[in-house]
N, C-alpha and C. Protein backbone atom coordinates (compact mmCIF):
# COMPACT_ATOMS: atom_id res chain seq x y z
N UNK A 1 0.85 -1.17 0.00
CA UNK A 1 0.00 0.00 0.00
C UNK A 1 0.90 1.23 0.00
N UNK A 2 0.59 2.20 -0.81
CA UNK A 2 1.37 3.43 -0.87
C UNK A 2 1.15 4.27 0.37
N UNK A 3 2.20 4.98 0.77
CA UNK A 3 2.05 5.88 1.90
C UNK A 3 1.02 6.95 1.54
N UNK A 4 0.13 7.25 2.48
CA UNK A 4 -0.87 8.28 2.23
C UNK A 4 -2.15 7.74 1.63
N UNK A 5 -2.20 6.42 1.36
CA UNK A 5 -3.45 5.84 0.87
C UNK A 5 -3.94 4.82 1.89
N UNK A 6 -5.17 4.45 1.77
CA UNK A 6 -5.73 3.47 2.69
C UNK A 6 -6.76 2.65 1.93
N UNK A 7 -6.96 1.41 2.34
CA UNK A 7 -8.00 0.63 1.67
C UNK A 7 -9.37 1.14 2.11
N UNK A 8 -10.30 1.22 1.20
CA UNK A 8 -11.65 1.62 1.56
C UNK A 8 -12.30 0.43 2.25
N UNK A 9 -12.55 0.56 3.51
CA UNK A 9 -13.15 -0.49 4.31
C UNK A 9 -14.40 0.07 4.96
N UNK A 10 -15.31 -0.80 5.26
CA UNK A 10 -16.47 -0.43 6.05
C UNK A 10 -16.15 -0.87 7.46
N UNK A 11 -16.01 0.06 8.37
CA UNK A 11 -15.51 -0.26 9.69
C UNK A 11 -16.45 0.18 10.79
N UNK A 12 -16.29 -0.45 11.92
CA UNK A 12 -16.83 0.14 13.13
C UNK A 12 -15.72 0.12 14.15
N UNK A 13 -15.70 1.13 14.97
CA UNK A 13 -14.68 1.26 16.01
C UNK A 13 -15.35 1.06 17.34
N UNK A 14 -14.76 0.22 18.14
CA UNK A 14 -15.22 0.07 19.51
C UNK A 14 -14.27 0.88 20.37
N UNK A 15 -14.77 1.40 21.42
CA UNK A 15 -13.93 2.20 22.30
C UNK A 15 -14.10 1.72 23.72
N UNK A 16 -12.99 1.44 24.39
CA UNK A 16 -13.02 1.07 25.80
C UNK A 16 -12.19 2.08 26.56
N UNK A 17 -12.70 2.50 27.70
CA UNK A 17 -11.94 3.38 28.57
C UNK A 17 -11.18 2.50 29.54
N UNK A 18 -9.91 2.81 29.72
CA UNK A 18 -9.10 2.03 30.65
C UNK A 18 -8.43 2.98 31.63
N UNK A 19 -8.09 2.45 32.77
CA UNK A 19 -7.36 3.28 33.73
C UNK A 19 -5.92 2.81 33.76
N UNK A 20 -5.01 3.74 33.96
CA UNK A 20 -3.59 3.40 34.05
C UNK A 20 -2.88 4.47 34.85
N UNK A 21 -1.69 4.16 35.26
CA UNK A 21 -0.88 5.13 36.00
C UNK A 21 -0.10 5.96 34.99
N UNK A 22 -0.12 7.30 35.19
CA UNK A 22 0.69 8.13 34.31
C UNK A 22 2.10 8.22 34.88
N UNK A 23 2.96 9.01 34.24
CA UNK A 23 4.37 9.08 34.65
C UNK A 23 4.57 9.59 36.07
N UNK A 24 3.60 10.34 36.60
CA UNK A 24 3.72 10.84 37.98
C UNK A 24 3.13 9.87 39.00
N UNK A 25 2.60 8.74 38.53
CA UNK A 25 2.01 7.76 39.43
C UNK A 25 0.53 7.98 39.70
N UNK A 26 -0.07 9.00 39.07
CA UNK A 26 -1.50 9.26 39.24
C UNK A 26 -2.30 8.36 38.29
N UNK A 27 -3.49 7.98 38.72
CA UNK A 27 -4.37 7.17 37.90
C UNK A 27 -5.04 8.08 36.86
N UNK A 28 -4.99 7.69 35.59
CA UNK A 28 -5.63 8.45 34.52
C UNK A 28 -6.50 7.52 33.70
N UNK A 29 -7.44 8.10 32.99
CA UNK A 29 -8.26 7.32 32.08
C UNK A 29 -7.62 7.36 30.70
N UNK A 30 -7.54 6.23 30.07
CA UNK A 30 -7.01 6.16 28.71
C UNK A 30 -8.09 5.64 27.78
N UNK A 31 -7.73 5.52 26.53
CA UNK A 31 -8.67 5.05 25.53
C UNK A 31 -8.03 3.92 24.75
N UNK A 32 -8.79 2.86 24.53
CA UNK A 32 -8.31 1.71 23.80
C UNK A 32 -9.24 1.45 22.61
N UNK A 33 -8.96 2.08 21.45
CA UNK A 33 -9.83 1.83 20.30
C UNK A 33 -9.50 0.50 19.64
N UNK A 34 -10.52 -0.15 19.13
CA UNK A 34 -10.38 -1.37 18.35
C UNK A 34 -11.10 -1.14 17.04
N UNK A 35 -10.47 -1.49 15.93
CA UNK A 35 -11.09 -1.30 14.62
C UNK A 35 -11.40 -2.67 14.04
N UNK A 36 -12.60 -2.80 13.51
CA UNK A 36 -13.03 -4.08 12.95
C UNK A 36 -13.83 -3.85 11.69
N UNK A 37 -13.63 -4.69 10.70
CA UNK A 37 -14.40 -4.65 9.46
C UNK A 37 -15.82 -5.11 9.76
N UNK A 38 -16.80 -4.44 9.17
CA UNK A 38 -18.20 -4.80 9.42
C UNK A 38 -18.56 -6.15 8.82
N UNK A 39 -17.70 -6.70 7.99
CA UNK A 39 -17.96 -8.02 7.43
C UNK A 39 -17.75 -9.12 8.47
N UNK A 40 -17.03 -8.78 9.54
CA UNK A 40 -16.80 -9.75 10.61
C UNK A 40 -18.01 -9.77 11.55
N UNK A 41 -18.14 -10.87 12.27
CA UNK A 41 -19.23 -11.01 13.24
C UNK A 41 -19.10 -9.95 14.33
N UNK A 42 -20.23 -9.38 14.70
CA UNK A 42 -20.25 -8.39 15.77
C UNK A 42 -19.82 -9.06 17.08
N UNK A 43 -18.79 -8.54 17.73
CA UNK A 43 -18.28 -9.19 18.94
C UNK A 43 -19.16 -8.89 20.16
N UNK A 44 -18.79 -9.50 21.27
CA UNK A 44 -19.42 -9.20 22.55
C UNK A 44 -19.10 -7.74 22.87
N UNK A 45 -20.09 -6.95 23.18
CA UNK A 45 -19.89 -5.52 23.41
C UNK A 45 -19.83 -5.17 24.89
N UNK A 46 -19.77 -6.17 25.75
CA UNK A 46 -19.63 -5.91 27.18
C UNK A 46 -18.31 -5.19 27.41
N UNK A 47 -18.35 -4.07 28.12
CA UNK A 47 -17.14 -3.30 28.39
C UNK A 47 -16.79 -2.28 27.32
N UNK A 48 -17.53 -2.26 26.22
CA UNK A 48 -17.29 -1.27 25.17
C UNK A 48 -18.05 0.00 25.55
N UNK A 49 -17.35 1.14 25.52
CA UNK A 49 -17.94 2.41 25.95
C UNK A 49 -18.64 3.17 24.83
N UNK A 50 -18.17 3.00 23.59
CA UNK A 50 -18.78 3.72 22.47
C UNK A 50 -18.43 2.99 21.19
N UNK A 51 -19.16 3.32 20.15
CA UNK A 51 -18.88 2.76 18.83
C UNK A 51 -19.00 3.87 17.80
N UNK A 52 -18.08 3.84 16.84
CA UNK A 52 -18.13 4.74 15.69
C UNK A 52 -18.28 3.84 14.47
N UNK A 53 -19.29 4.10 13.65
CA UNK A 53 -19.53 3.30 12.46
C UNK A 53 -19.21 4.15 11.24
N UNK A 54 -18.46 3.55 10.31
CA UNK A 54 -17.96 4.24 9.13
C UNK A 54 -18.34 3.48 7.87
N UNK A 55 -18.65 4.22 6.84
CA UNK A 55 -18.84 3.63 5.51
C UNK A 55 -18.55 4.70 4.47
N UNK A 56 -17.99 4.31 3.35
CA UNK A 56 -17.83 5.28 2.27
C UNK A 56 -19.18 5.57 1.61
N UNK A 57 -19.35 6.78 1.12
CA UNK A 57 -20.53 7.12 0.35
C UNK A 57 -20.26 6.68 -1.09
N UNK A 58 -21.06 5.77 -1.58
CA UNK A 58 -20.94 5.29 -2.95
C UNK A 58 -22.31 5.33 -3.60
N UNK A 59 -22.40 6.03 -4.71
CA UNK A 59 -23.66 6.13 -5.45
C UNK A 59 -24.80 6.59 -4.54
N UNK A 60 -24.51 7.56 -3.69
CA UNK A 60 -25.49 8.20 -2.79
C UNK A 60 -26.00 7.25 -1.72
N UNK A 61 -25.27 6.17 -1.47
CA UNK A 61 -25.75 5.17 -0.51
C UNK A 61 -24.71 4.86 0.56
N UNK A 62 -25.21 4.22 1.61
CA UNK A 62 -24.34 3.65 2.65
C UNK A 62 -24.24 2.15 2.40
N UNK A 63 -23.12 1.59 2.75
CA UNK A 63 -22.91 0.16 2.62
C UNK A 63 -23.92 -0.61 3.48
N UNK A 64 -24.54 -1.62 2.90
CA UNK A 64 -25.56 -2.41 3.60
C UNK A 64 -25.02 -3.06 4.86
N UNK A 65 -23.78 -3.52 4.83
CA UNK A 65 -23.19 -4.18 6.01
C UNK A 65 -23.04 -3.19 7.16
N UNK A 66 -22.65 -1.96 6.86
CA UNK A 66 -22.52 -0.94 7.92
C UNK A 66 -23.88 -0.61 8.51
N UNK A 67 -24.89 -0.52 7.67
CA UNK A 67 -26.25 -0.26 8.15
C UNK A 67 -26.72 -1.41 9.03
N UNK A 68 -26.39 -2.64 8.63
CA UNK A 68 -26.79 -3.80 9.43
C UNK A 68 -26.11 -3.82 10.80
N UNK A 69 -24.88 -3.32 10.89
CA UNK A 69 -24.22 -3.21 12.20
C UNK A 69 -25.06 -2.33 13.11
N UNK A 70 -25.53 -1.21 12.60
CA UNK A 70 -26.36 -0.31 13.40
C UNK A 70 -27.64 -1.00 13.86
N UNK A 71 -28.23 -1.79 12.99
CA UNK A 71 -29.46 -2.50 13.35
C UNK A 71 -29.21 -3.57 14.41
N UNK A 72 -28.03 -4.17 14.39
CA UNK A 72 -27.72 -5.22 15.36
C UNK A 72 -27.29 -4.68 16.72
N UNK A 73 -26.84 -3.43 16.77
CA UNK A 73 -26.34 -2.88 18.04
C UNK A 73 -27.41 -2.90 19.13
N UNK A 74 -28.62 -2.50 18.80
CA UNK A 74 -29.67 -2.48 19.81
C UNK A 74 -29.97 -3.89 20.30
N UNK A 75 -29.98 -4.85 19.39
CA UNK A 75 -30.22 -6.24 19.78
C UNK A 75 -29.13 -6.75 20.71
N UNK A 76 -27.94 -6.17 20.59
CA UNK A 76 -26.82 -6.55 21.46
C UNK A 76 -26.81 -5.75 22.76
N UNK A 77 -27.85 -4.93 22.98
CA UNK A 77 -27.95 -4.17 24.23
C UNK A 77 -27.13 -2.90 24.25
N UNK A 78 -26.85 -2.34 23.09
CA UNK A 78 -26.01 -1.15 23.01
C UNK A 78 -26.84 0.09 22.71
N UNK A 79 -27.92 0.31 23.45
CA UNK A 79 -28.80 1.44 23.14
C UNK A 79 -28.52 2.68 23.97
N UNK A 80 -27.81 2.56 25.08
CA UNK A 80 -27.56 3.71 25.95
C UNK A 80 -26.21 4.35 25.68
N UNK A 81 -25.23 3.56 25.32
CA UNK A 81 -23.88 4.07 25.12
C UNK A 81 -23.79 4.81 23.79
N UNK A 82 -22.85 5.76 23.68
CA UNK A 82 -22.79 6.62 22.49
C UNK A 82 -22.35 5.90 21.21
N UNK A 83 -23.01 6.30 20.13
CA UNK A 83 -22.69 5.82 18.79
C UNK A 83 -22.46 7.05 17.92
N UNK A 84 -21.33 7.08 17.23
CA UNK A 84 -21.04 8.17 16.30
C UNK A 84 -20.95 7.58 14.89
N UNK A 85 -21.18 8.44 13.92
CA UNK A 85 -21.24 8.03 12.52
C UNK A 85 -20.27 8.88 11.72
N UNK A 86 -19.52 8.22 10.80
CA UNK A 86 -18.77 9.01 9.84
C UNK A 86 -18.69 8.31 8.51
N UNK A 87 -18.42 9.10 7.48
CA UNK A 87 -18.25 8.53 6.15
C UNK A 87 -17.14 9.26 5.42
N UNK A 88 -16.76 8.66 4.31
CA UNK A 88 -15.85 9.32 3.37
C UNK A 88 -16.66 9.55 2.10
N UNK A 89 -16.29 10.58 1.38
CA UNK A 89 -17.01 10.92 0.16
C UNK A 89 -16.06 11.64 -0.78
N UNK A 90 -16.38 11.62 -2.04
CA UNK A 90 -15.58 12.34 -3.02
C UNK A 90 -15.14 11.41 -4.13
N UNK A 91 -14.34 11.93 -5.00
CA UNK A 91 -13.82 13.29 -5.01
C UNK A 91 -14.90 14.31 -5.37
N UNK A 92 -14.71 15.51 -4.88
CA UNK A 92 -15.66 16.60 -5.10
C UNK A 92 -15.35 17.28 -6.44
N UNK A 93 -16.36 17.50 -7.26
CA UNK A 93 -16.15 18.21 -8.52
C UNK A 93 -15.52 19.59 -8.29
N UNK A 94 -14.76 20.04 -9.25
CA UNK A 94 -14.00 21.29 -9.09
C UNK A 94 -14.76 22.54 -9.52
N UNK A 95 -15.80 22.40 -10.32
CA UNK A 95 -16.54 23.58 -10.74
C UNK A 95 -17.90 23.63 -10.05
N UNK A 96 -18.42 24.82 -9.82
CA UNK A 96 -19.75 24.94 -9.19
C UNK A 96 -20.84 24.22 -9.98
N UNK A 97 -20.74 24.23 -11.30
CA UNK A 97 -21.75 23.57 -12.13
C UNK A 97 -21.73 22.05 -11.92
N UNK A 98 -20.51 21.48 -11.91
CA UNK A 98 -20.39 20.04 -11.69
C UNK A 98 -20.84 19.67 -10.28
N UNK A 99 -20.50 20.50 -9.31
CA UNK A 99 -20.89 20.23 -7.93
C UNK A 99 -22.41 20.23 -7.80
N UNK A 100 -23.07 21.20 -8.40
CA UNK A 100 -24.53 21.27 -8.34
C UNK A 100 -25.15 20.02 -8.98
N UNK A 101 -24.58 19.59 -10.10
CA UNK A 101 -25.08 18.41 -10.79
C UNK A 101 -24.87 17.13 -9.97
N UNK A 102 -23.75 17.04 -9.27
CA UNK A 102 -23.39 15.82 -8.54
C UNK A 102 -23.81 15.82 -7.07
N UNK A 103 -24.43 16.90 -6.60
CA UNK A 103 -24.83 17.01 -5.18
C UNK A 103 -25.62 15.80 -4.70
N UNK A 104 -26.52 15.32 -5.54
CA UNK A 104 -27.39 14.21 -5.15
C UNK A 104 -26.60 12.95 -4.82
N UNK A 105 -25.38 12.82 -5.35
CA UNK A 105 -24.56 11.65 -5.09
C UNK A 105 -23.72 11.80 -3.82
N UNK A 106 -23.63 13.02 -3.31
CA UNK A 106 -22.73 13.32 -2.20
C UNK A 106 -23.47 13.58 -0.89
N UNK A 107 -24.64 14.23 -0.96
CA UNK A 107 -25.35 14.65 0.24
C UNK A 107 -26.71 13.97 0.35
N UNK A 108 -27.14 13.44 1.47
CA UNK A 108 -26.54 13.49 2.80
C UNK A 108 -25.42 12.48 2.99
N UNK A 109 -25.20 11.65 2.00
CA UNK A 109 -24.12 10.68 2.07
C UNK A 109 -24.43 9.53 3.00
N UNK A 110 -23.46 8.63 3.08
CA UNK A 110 -23.61 7.46 3.95
C UNK A 110 -23.83 7.89 5.40
N UNK A 111 -23.16 8.96 5.82
CA UNK A 111 -23.30 9.41 7.22
C UNK A 111 -24.73 9.81 7.53
N UNK A 112 -25.36 10.56 6.65
CA UNK A 112 -26.74 10.97 6.88
C UNK A 112 -27.70 9.79 6.91
N UNK A 113 -27.48 8.84 6.02
CA UNK A 113 -28.33 7.65 5.97
C UNK A 113 -28.14 6.81 7.23
N UNK A 114 -26.89 6.58 7.62
CA UNK A 114 -26.62 5.75 8.80
C UNK A 114 -27.11 6.42 10.08
N UNK A 115 -26.98 7.74 10.14
CA UNK A 115 -27.46 8.44 11.34
C UNK A 115 -28.97 8.27 11.48
N UNK A 116 -29.69 8.36 10.38
CA UNK A 116 -31.14 8.18 10.42
C UNK A 116 -31.49 6.76 10.87
N UNK A 117 -30.80 5.76 10.34
CA UNK A 117 -31.04 4.37 10.73
C UNK A 117 -30.77 4.19 12.22
N UNK A 118 -29.64 4.73 12.69
CA UNK A 118 -29.27 4.59 14.11
C UNK A 118 -30.33 5.22 15.02
N UNK A 119 -30.81 6.39 14.64
CA UNK A 119 -31.86 7.05 15.43
C UNK A 119 -33.14 6.23 15.42
N UNK A 120 -33.49 5.69 14.26
CA UNK A 120 -34.70 4.86 14.16
C UNK A 120 -34.59 3.59 15.00
N UNK A 121 -33.37 3.14 15.23
CA UNK A 121 -33.14 1.96 16.07
C UNK A 121 -33.18 2.30 17.56
N UNK A 122 -33.25 3.60 17.86
CA UNK A 122 -33.28 4.03 19.26
C UNK A 122 -31.92 4.06 19.91
N UNK A 123 -30.86 4.15 19.10
CA UNK A 123 -29.51 4.22 19.65
C UNK A 123 -29.22 5.63 20.17
N UNK A 124 -28.26 5.75 21.05
CA UNK A 124 -27.82 7.04 21.60
C UNK A 124 -26.83 7.64 20.60
N UNK A 125 -27.35 8.31 19.58
CA UNK A 125 -26.55 8.77 18.45
C UNK A 125 -25.99 10.17 18.71
N UNK A 126 -24.67 10.29 18.58
CA UNK A 126 -24.01 11.59 18.69
C UNK A 126 -24.58 12.49 17.60
N UNK A 127 -24.97 13.73 17.92
CA UNK A 127 -25.69 14.56 16.95
C UNK A 127 -24.87 15.02 15.75
N UNK A 128 -23.57 15.03 15.85
CA UNK A 128 -22.74 15.44 14.72
C UNK A 128 -22.22 14.22 13.99
N UNK A 129 -22.12 14.32 12.68
CA UNK A 129 -21.48 13.26 11.90
C UNK A 129 -20.15 13.80 11.41
N UNK A 130 -19.24 12.89 11.16
CA UNK A 130 -17.95 13.26 10.58
C UNK A 130 -17.96 12.83 9.13
N UNK A 131 -17.71 13.77 8.24
CA UNK A 131 -17.63 13.48 6.82
C UNK A 131 -16.24 13.89 6.34
N UNK A 132 -15.48 12.94 5.83
CA UNK A 132 -14.12 13.21 5.37
C UNK A 132 -14.04 13.03 3.86
N UNK A 133 -13.59 14.07 3.21
CA UNK A 133 -13.44 14.02 1.76
C UNK A 133 -12.19 13.23 1.38
N UNK A 134 -12.29 12.50 0.27
CA UNK A 134 -11.14 11.81 -0.30
C UNK A 134 -10.83 12.43 -1.66
N UNK A 135 -9.56 12.31 -2.06
CA UNK A 135 -9.13 12.90 -3.33
C UNK A 135 -9.49 12.04 -4.53
N UNK A 136 -9.58 10.74 -4.32
CA UNK A 136 -9.92 9.80 -5.38
C UNK A 136 -10.87 8.76 -4.84
N UNK A 137 -11.38 7.90 -5.70
CA UNK A 137 -12.34 6.89 -5.26
C UNK A 137 -11.77 5.96 -4.19
N UNK A 138 -10.47 5.74 -4.20
CA UNK A 138 -9.84 4.87 -3.19
C UNK A 138 -8.88 5.64 -2.31
N UNK A 139 -9.07 6.94 -2.18
CA UNK A 139 -8.21 7.74 -1.33
C UNK A 139 -7.14 8.41 -2.17
N UNK A 140 -6.25 9.07 -1.53
CA UNK A 140 -6.10 9.26 -0.09
C UNK A 140 -7.08 10.31 0.43
N UNK A 141 -7.05 10.49 1.74
CA UNK A 141 -7.88 11.53 2.34
C UNK A 141 -7.48 12.89 1.80
N UNK A 142 -8.44 13.78 1.68
CA UNK A 142 -8.16 15.15 1.24
C UNK A 142 -7.38 15.88 2.33
N UNK A 143 -6.77 16.98 1.94
CA UNK A 143 -6.01 17.79 2.89
C UNK A 143 -6.88 18.15 4.08
N UNK A 144 -6.32 18.10 5.26
CA UNK A 144 -6.96 18.45 6.53
C UNK A 144 -8.02 17.45 7.01
N UNK A 145 -8.29 16.38 6.27
CA UNK A 145 -9.30 15.41 6.71
C UNK A 145 -8.86 14.68 7.97
N UNK A 146 -7.58 14.35 8.07
CA UNK A 146 -7.10 13.66 9.26
C UNK A 146 -7.22 14.54 10.49
N UNK A 147 -6.85 15.82 10.35
CA UNK A 147 -6.98 16.76 11.47
C UNK A 147 -8.45 16.92 11.87
N UNK A 148 -9.33 16.94 10.88
CA UNK A 148 -10.76 17.03 11.14
C UNK A 148 -11.24 15.81 11.94
N UNK A 149 -10.74 14.63 11.58
CA UNK A 149 -11.12 13.40 12.29
C UNK A 149 -10.61 13.41 13.72
N UNK A 150 -9.39 13.88 13.93
CA UNK A 150 -8.82 13.96 15.28
C UNK A 150 -9.66 14.91 16.13
N UNK A 151 -10.00 16.06 15.59
CA UNK A 151 -10.81 17.05 16.31
C UNK A 151 -12.18 16.46 16.67
N UNK A 152 -12.82 15.82 15.71
CA UNK A 152 -14.12 15.20 15.92
C UNK A 152 -14.04 14.17 17.05
N UNK A 153 -13.02 13.34 17.01
CA UNK A 153 -12.86 12.28 18.00
C UNK A 153 -12.66 12.86 19.39
N UNK A 154 -11.85 13.90 19.51
CA UNK A 154 -11.64 14.53 20.82
C UNK A 154 -12.95 15.07 21.40
N UNK A 155 -13.73 15.72 20.58
CA UNK A 155 -15.00 16.27 21.05
C UNK A 155 -15.96 15.13 21.40
N UNK A 156 -16.04 14.12 20.55
CA UNK A 156 -16.93 12.99 20.81
C UNK A 156 -16.57 12.31 22.13
N UNK A 157 -15.32 12.01 22.36
CA UNK A 157 -14.88 11.34 23.59
C UNK A 157 -15.17 12.21 24.81
N UNK A 158 -15.06 13.52 24.66
CA UNK A 158 -15.29 14.42 25.80
C UNK A 158 -16.76 14.45 26.24
N UNK A 159 -17.65 13.93 25.41
CA UNK A 159 -19.08 13.98 25.73
C UNK A 159 -19.61 12.67 26.31
N UNK A 160 -18.75 11.71 26.56
CA UNK A 160 -19.22 10.42 27.09
C UNK A 160 -20.03 10.63 28.34
N UNK A 161 -21.09 9.87 28.47
CA UNK A 161 -21.99 9.99 29.61
C UNK A 161 -23.21 10.83 29.31
N UNK A 162 -23.23 11.47 28.14
CA UNK A 162 -24.37 12.30 27.77
C UNK A 162 -25.30 11.53 26.83
N UNK A 163 -26.53 11.95 26.79
CA UNK A 163 -27.46 11.44 25.80
C UNK A 163 -27.87 12.61 24.92
N UNK A 164 -28.24 12.30 23.70
CA UNK A 164 -28.53 13.36 22.74
C UNK A 164 -29.94 13.22 22.21
N UNK A 165 -30.48 14.36 21.79
CA UNK A 165 -31.79 14.36 21.16
C UNK A 165 -31.62 13.93 19.71
N UNK A 166 -32.66 14.02 18.94
CA UNK A 166 -32.60 13.61 17.54
C UNK A 166 -32.17 14.73 16.61
N UNK A 167 -31.40 15.71 17.11
CA UNK A 167 -30.88 16.74 16.22
C UNK A 167 -29.70 16.17 15.46
N UNK A 168 -29.36 16.77 14.32
CA UNK A 168 -28.19 16.28 13.58
C UNK A 168 -27.44 17.44 12.97
N UNK A 169 -26.14 17.29 12.97
CA UNK A 169 -25.23 18.27 12.39
C UNK A 169 -24.13 17.50 11.68
N UNK A 170 -23.37 18.19 10.86
CA UNK A 170 -22.24 17.56 10.20
C UNK A 170 -20.98 18.30 10.57
N UNK A 171 -19.92 17.59 10.87
CA UNK A 171 -18.65 18.15 11.33
C UNK A 171 -17.70 18.24 10.16
């Protein structure tokens, strides 16, 4: 794989909070993310604090397997803990005319579709979605997309313990 590219995968991230001693000997909370392809069987979610579900936007749709993960989460008893949604999309047309013509293929994207499914399932859905642009159909991420993802993740993790209404925003 070339540096700066990534395979387009449909993923969900599990997040576990762990405690550990920092360099001064104080107990701190850490984060242990696990990444898994949605094609794999949904694992035991006991001890998982949050989940982020990802799918690329392709032909104005979300991947069926990623949507099915959201549908199975409630059956697995994951209705109170936070669930965040993100997608990748692009490449974005360079002219306003092309963008207007192609809007239907890009918006609301997989993130908007998955967020609606998650809310309909009664999951505790984080109100903002993360949408990261890619430069080509198979990547790499567009400039500043990684920084955008880091910022989104920091804010999402800082809200653990909260529940959200059915409002939605895009990050």
